N, C-alpha and C. Protein backbone atom coordinates (compact mmCIF):
# COMPACT_ATOMS: atom_id res chain seq x y z
N MET A 1 12.05 -11.77 -1.94
CA MET A 1 11.40 -11.78 -0.78
C MET A 1 10.14 -10.87 -0.86
N CYS A 2 9.03 -11.49 -0.65
CA CYS A 2 7.73 -10.65 -0.47
C CYS A 2 7.53 -10.06 0.84
N LEU A 3 7.01 -8.94 0.96
CA LEU A 3 6.86 -8.08 2.07
C LEU A 3 5.55 -7.29 2.10
N ALA A 4 4.63 -7.52 3.04
CA ALA A 4 3.55 -6.70 3.24
C ALA A 4 3.92 -5.28 3.73
N VAL A 5 3.59 -4.25 3.02
CA VAL A 5 4.07 -2.90 3.34
C VAL A 5 2.89 -1.96 3.50
N PRO A 6 3.08 -0.96 4.54
CA PRO A 6 2.06 0.05 4.62
C PRO A 6 2.11 1.12 3.51
N VAL A 7 1.00 1.38 2.92
CA VAL A 7 0.83 2.39 1.93
C VAL A 7 -0.25 3.28 2.41
N ARG A 8 -0.42 4.52 1.78
CA ARG A 8 -1.42 5.42 2.14
C ARG A 8 -2.48 5.46 0.87
N VAL A 9 -3.71 5.35 1.15
CA VAL A 9 -4.81 5.40 0.18
C VAL A 9 -4.83 6.96 -0.17
N VAL A 10 -4.83 7.01 -1.60
CA VAL A 10 -4.97 8.38 -2.27
C VAL A 10 -6.26 8.65 -2.66
N SER A 11 -6.93 7.64 -3.39
CA SER A 11 -8.30 7.74 -3.70
C SER A 11 -9.02 6.45 -3.96
N LEU A 12 -10.28 6.39 -3.88
CA LEU A 12 -11.04 5.28 -4.01
C LEU A 12 -11.55 5.19 -5.57
N LEU A 13 -11.55 4.09 -6.04
CA LEU A 13 -11.97 3.98 -7.63
C LEU A 13 -13.57 3.51 -7.73
N GLY A 14 -14.08 3.11 -6.65
CA GLY A 14 -15.44 2.80 -6.56
C GLY A 14 -15.83 1.36 -7.30
N ASP A 15 -14.84 0.67 -7.46
CA ASP A 15 -14.95 -0.68 -8.05
C ASP A 15 -14.34 -1.73 -7.27
N GLY A 16 -14.16 -1.38 -5.97
CA GLY A 16 -13.29 -2.26 -5.10
C GLY A 16 -11.87 -2.11 -5.11
N ARG A 17 -11.34 -1.07 -5.85
CA ARG A 17 -10.03 -0.79 -6.00
C ARG A 17 -9.70 0.62 -5.40
N ALA A 18 -8.50 0.86 -5.21
CA ALA A 18 -8.05 2.12 -4.78
C ALA A 18 -6.78 2.56 -5.34
N VAL A 19 -6.27 3.66 -5.42
CA VAL A 19 -5.03 4.12 -5.72
C VAL A 19 -4.34 4.44 -4.49
N VAL A 20 -3.09 3.90 -4.25
CA VAL A 20 -2.21 4.15 -3.20
C VAL A 20 -0.98 4.73 -3.45
N ASP A 21 -0.37 5.42 -2.43
CA ASP A 21 1.03 5.96 -2.52
C ASP A 21 1.88 4.88 -1.85
N ALA A 22 2.79 4.44 -2.54
CA ALA A 22 3.76 3.54 -2.08
C ALA A 22 5.22 4.01 -2.35
N GLY A 23 5.58 4.84 -1.34
CA GLY A 23 6.99 5.38 -1.46
C GLY A 23 7.06 6.32 -2.56
N GLY A 24 5.97 7.18 -2.86
CA GLY A 24 5.97 8.03 -4.01
C GLY A 24 5.48 7.54 -5.42
N VAL A 25 5.28 6.33 -5.39
CA VAL A 25 4.72 5.57 -6.58
C VAL A 25 3.15 5.31 -6.34
N HIS A 26 2.39 5.79 -7.37
CA HIS A 26 0.92 5.55 -7.10
C HIS A 26 0.68 4.40 -7.97
N THR A 27 -0.11 3.50 -7.32
CA THR A 27 -0.52 2.24 -8.09
C THR A 27 -2.00 1.80 -7.55
N GLU A 28 -2.54 0.98 -8.42
CA GLU A 28 -4.01 0.56 -8.03
C GLU A 28 -3.74 -0.79 -7.25
N ILE A 29 -4.74 -0.93 -6.25
CA ILE A 29 -4.73 -2.13 -5.39
C ILE A 29 -6.11 -2.53 -5.26
N SER A 30 -6.41 -3.86 -4.88
CA SER A 30 -7.66 -4.41 -4.53
C SER A 30 -8.05 -4.02 -3.03
N MET A 31 -9.29 -3.56 -2.80
CA MET A 31 -9.77 -3.35 -1.43
C MET A 31 -10.70 -4.30 -1.10
N ALA A 32 -10.88 -5.43 -1.70
CA ALA A 32 -11.79 -6.60 -1.58
C ALA A 32 -11.77 -7.08 -0.20
N LEU A 33 -10.65 -7.03 0.50
CA LEU A 33 -10.57 -7.74 1.71
C LEU A 33 -10.73 -6.73 3.00
N VAL A 34 -10.88 -5.45 2.77
CA VAL A 34 -11.15 -4.64 3.89
C VAL A 34 -12.34 -3.70 3.62
N GLN A 35 -13.02 -3.05 4.57
CA GLN A 35 -14.11 -2.39 4.47
C GLN A 35 -13.86 -0.87 5.05
N GLY A 36 -14.56 0.06 4.67
CA GLY A 36 -14.68 1.33 5.23
C GLY A 36 -13.39 2.25 5.29
N ILE A 37 -12.36 1.89 4.34
CA ILE A 37 -11.15 2.64 4.23
C ILE A 37 -11.42 4.01 3.43
N GLN A 38 -10.91 4.97 3.96
CA GLN A 38 -11.00 6.34 3.37
C GLN A 38 -9.72 6.82 2.84
N PRO A 39 -9.67 7.75 1.93
CA PRO A 39 -8.49 8.40 1.44
C PRO A 39 -7.79 8.99 2.67
N GLY A 40 -6.30 8.94 2.57
CA GLY A 40 -5.54 9.42 3.62
C GLY A 40 -5.30 8.31 4.71
N GLU A 41 -6.05 7.29 4.72
CA GLU A 41 -5.78 6.23 5.76
C GLU A 41 -4.72 5.32 5.22
N TYR A 42 -4.02 4.48 5.98
CA TYR A 42 -3.05 3.53 5.62
C TYR A 42 -3.59 2.25 5.73
N VAL A 43 -3.15 1.37 4.80
CA VAL A 43 -3.47 0.00 4.81
C VAL A 43 -2.09 -0.76 4.66
N ILE A 44 -2.18 -2.09 4.97
CA ILE A 44 -1.05 -2.99 4.68
C ILE A 44 -1.41 -3.78 3.41
N VAL A 45 -0.49 -3.73 2.48
CA VAL A 45 -0.53 -4.25 1.21
C VAL A 45 0.35 -5.44 0.99
N HIS A 46 -0.31 -6.53 0.45
CA HIS A 46 0.70 -7.68 -0.12
C HIS A 46 0.04 -8.18 -1.27
N VAL A 47 0.78 -8.30 -2.32
CA VAL A 47 0.52 -8.88 -3.67
C VAL A 47 -0.73 -8.14 -4.37
N GLY A 48 -0.74 -6.87 -4.10
CA GLY A 48 -1.96 -6.20 -4.67
C GLY A 48 -3.19 -6.11 -3.87
N PHE A 49 -3.23 -6.61 -2.74
CA PHE A 49 -4.53 -6.52 -1.91
C PHE A 49 -4.26 -5.91 -0.58
N ALA A 50 -5.18 -4.95 -0.28
CA ALA A 50 -5.09 -4.29 1.09
C ALA A 50 -5.56 -5.40 2.02
N LEU A 51 -4.89 -5.73 3.12
CA LEU A 51 -5.09 -6.68 4.00
C LEU A 51 -5.89 -6.18 5.44
N ALA A 52 -5.38 -4.93 5.77
CA ALA A 52 -5.88 -4.41 6.97
C ALA A 52 -5.61 -2.87 7.00
N ARG A 53 -6.53 -2.13 7.83
CA ARG A 53 -6.21 -0.72 8.08
C ARG A 53 -5.02 -0.74 9.16
N LEU A 54 -4.23 0.35 8.93
CA LEU A 54 -3.09 0.44 9.89
C LEU A 54 -3.17 1.82 10.48
N ASP A 55 -2.86 1.84 11.94
CA ASP A 55 -2.81 3.30 12.52
C ASP A 55 -1.78 4.08 11.79
N PRO A 56 -2.12 5.29 11.57
CA PRO A 56 -1.15 6.27 10.94
C PRO A 56 0.21 6.22 11.56
N VAL A 57 0.20 6.46 12.92
CA VAL A 57 1.38 6.57 13.65
C VAL A 57 2.26 5.32 13.57
N GLU A 58 1.78 4.06 13.56
CA GLU A 58 2.35 2.88 13.38
C GLU A 58 2.83 2.71 11.93
N ALA A 59 2.05 3.13 10.86
CA ALA A 59 2.37 3.05 9.45
C ALA A 59 3.66 3.87 9.29
N GLU A 60 3.64 5.05 9.80
CA GLU A 60 4.95 6.02 9.54
C GLU A 60 6.11 5.59 10.29
N ARG A 61 5.96 5.04 11.45
CA ARG A 61 7.04 4.26 12.24
C ARG A 61 7.56 3.24 11.41
N THR A 62 6.58 2.33 10.91
CA THR A 62 7.11 1.10 10.14
C THR A 62 7.91 1.65 8.93
N LEU A 63 7.34 2.51 8.13
CA LEU A 63 8.06 3.00 6.98
C LEU A 63 9.44 3.63 7.33
N ARG A 64 9.45 4.33 8.35
CA ARG A 64 10.78 4.93 8.89
C ARG A 64 11.78 3.83 9.12
N ILE A 65 11.34 2.89 9.82
CA ILE A 65 12.31 1.67 10.24
C ILE A 65 12.76 0.97 9.12
N LEU A 66 11.86 0.66 8.19
CA LEU A 66 12.19 0.00 6.86
C LEU A 66 13.21 0.89 6.13
N ALA A 67 13.05 2.18 6.09
CA ALA A 67 13.92 3.07 5.27
C ALA A 67 15.32 3.11 6.07
N GLU A 68 15.37 3.21 7.28
CA GLU A 68 16.63 3.24 8.09
C GLU A 68 17.37 1.91 7.81
N GLY A 69 16.62 0.72 7.68
CA GLY A 69 17.33 -0.51 7.56
C GLY A 69 17.74 -0.84 6.13
N GLY A 70 17.44 0.17 5.25
CA GLY A 70 17.87 0.03 3.87
C GLY A 70 16.80 -0.66 3.04
N VAL A 71 15.64 -1.01 3.65
CA VAL A 71 14.62 -1.77 2.82
C VAL A 71 13.77 -0.69 2.02
N ARG A 72 13.88 -0.94 0.76
CA ARG A 72 13.07 0.02 0.01
C ARG A 72 11.68 -0.57 -0.29
N THR A 73 10.62 0.08 -0.44
CA THR A 73 9.28 -0.50 -0.67
C THR A 73 9.15 -0.59 -2.16
N VAL A 74 8.81 0.54 -2.79
CA VAL A 74 8.58 0.38 -4.29
C VAL A 74 9.28 1.74 -4.86
N GLU A 75 10.02 1.50 -6.07
CA GLU A 75 10.60 2.66 -6.76
C GLU A 75 9.86 2.73 -8.03
N LYS A 76 9.75 3.77 -8.76
CA LYS A 76 9.23 4.17 -10.01
C LYS A 76 9.56 2.99 -10.98
N GLY A 77 8.62 2.49 -11.75
CA GLY A 77 8.98 1.45 -12.51
C GLY A 77 8.72 0.03 -11.96
N GLU A 78 8.57 -0.05 -10.69
CA GLU A 78 8.51 -1.32 -10.05
C GLU A 78 6.94 -1.49 -9.42
N GLU A 79 6.07 -0.91 -10.02
CA GLU A 79 4.70 -1.06 -9.53
C GLU A 79 4.23 -2.52 -9.39
N ASP A 80 4.70 -3.41 -10.20
CA ASP A 80 4.37 -4.77 -10.06
C ASP A 80 4.83 -5.56 -8.77
N ALA A 81 5.77 -4.85 -7.98
CA ALA A 81 6.04 -5.24 -6.65
C ALA A 81 4.91 -5.18 -5.70
N ILE A 82 4.06 -4.25 -5.95
CA ILE A 82 2.89 -4.10 -5.15
C ILE A 82 1.67 -4.72 -5.88
N HIS A 83 1.44 -4.55 -7.07
CA HIS A 83 0.44 -5.08 -7.96
C HIS A 83 0.77 -5.99 -9.06
N PRO A 84 1.11 -7.31 -8.73
CA PRO A 84 1.68 -8.20 -9.72
C PRO A 84 0.63 -8.51 -10.88
N GLY A 85 -0.07 -7.59 -11.39
CA GLY A 85 -0.97 -7.98 -12.66
C GLY A 85 -2.35 -8.44 -12.13
N ILE A 86 -2.65 -8.49 -10.90
CA ILE A 86 -3.82 -8.98 -10.54
C ILE A 86 -5.00 -8.14 -10.99
N PRO A 87 -6.03 -8.63 -11.65
CA PRO A 87 -7.23 -7.81 -12.05
C PRO A 87 -7.97 -7.19 -11.08
């Protein structure tokens, strides 16, 4: 099952990409579909693309609910779950 998940933007790479924190795993994603995102903000990510900015309270609430339900986002070594080799 594919799931769009909230992630926190760690840094912008300047080429339309960003490094995000997905459950403690840092990975690169495309920011081509969103504008004006800054480090520290949350975005919803699906198959390596940020889809929208997410309110931080809502992001943390969603992550907590997912964890309580036993849904894991990404674990170390599973970066392809967020970024499946998209250039």
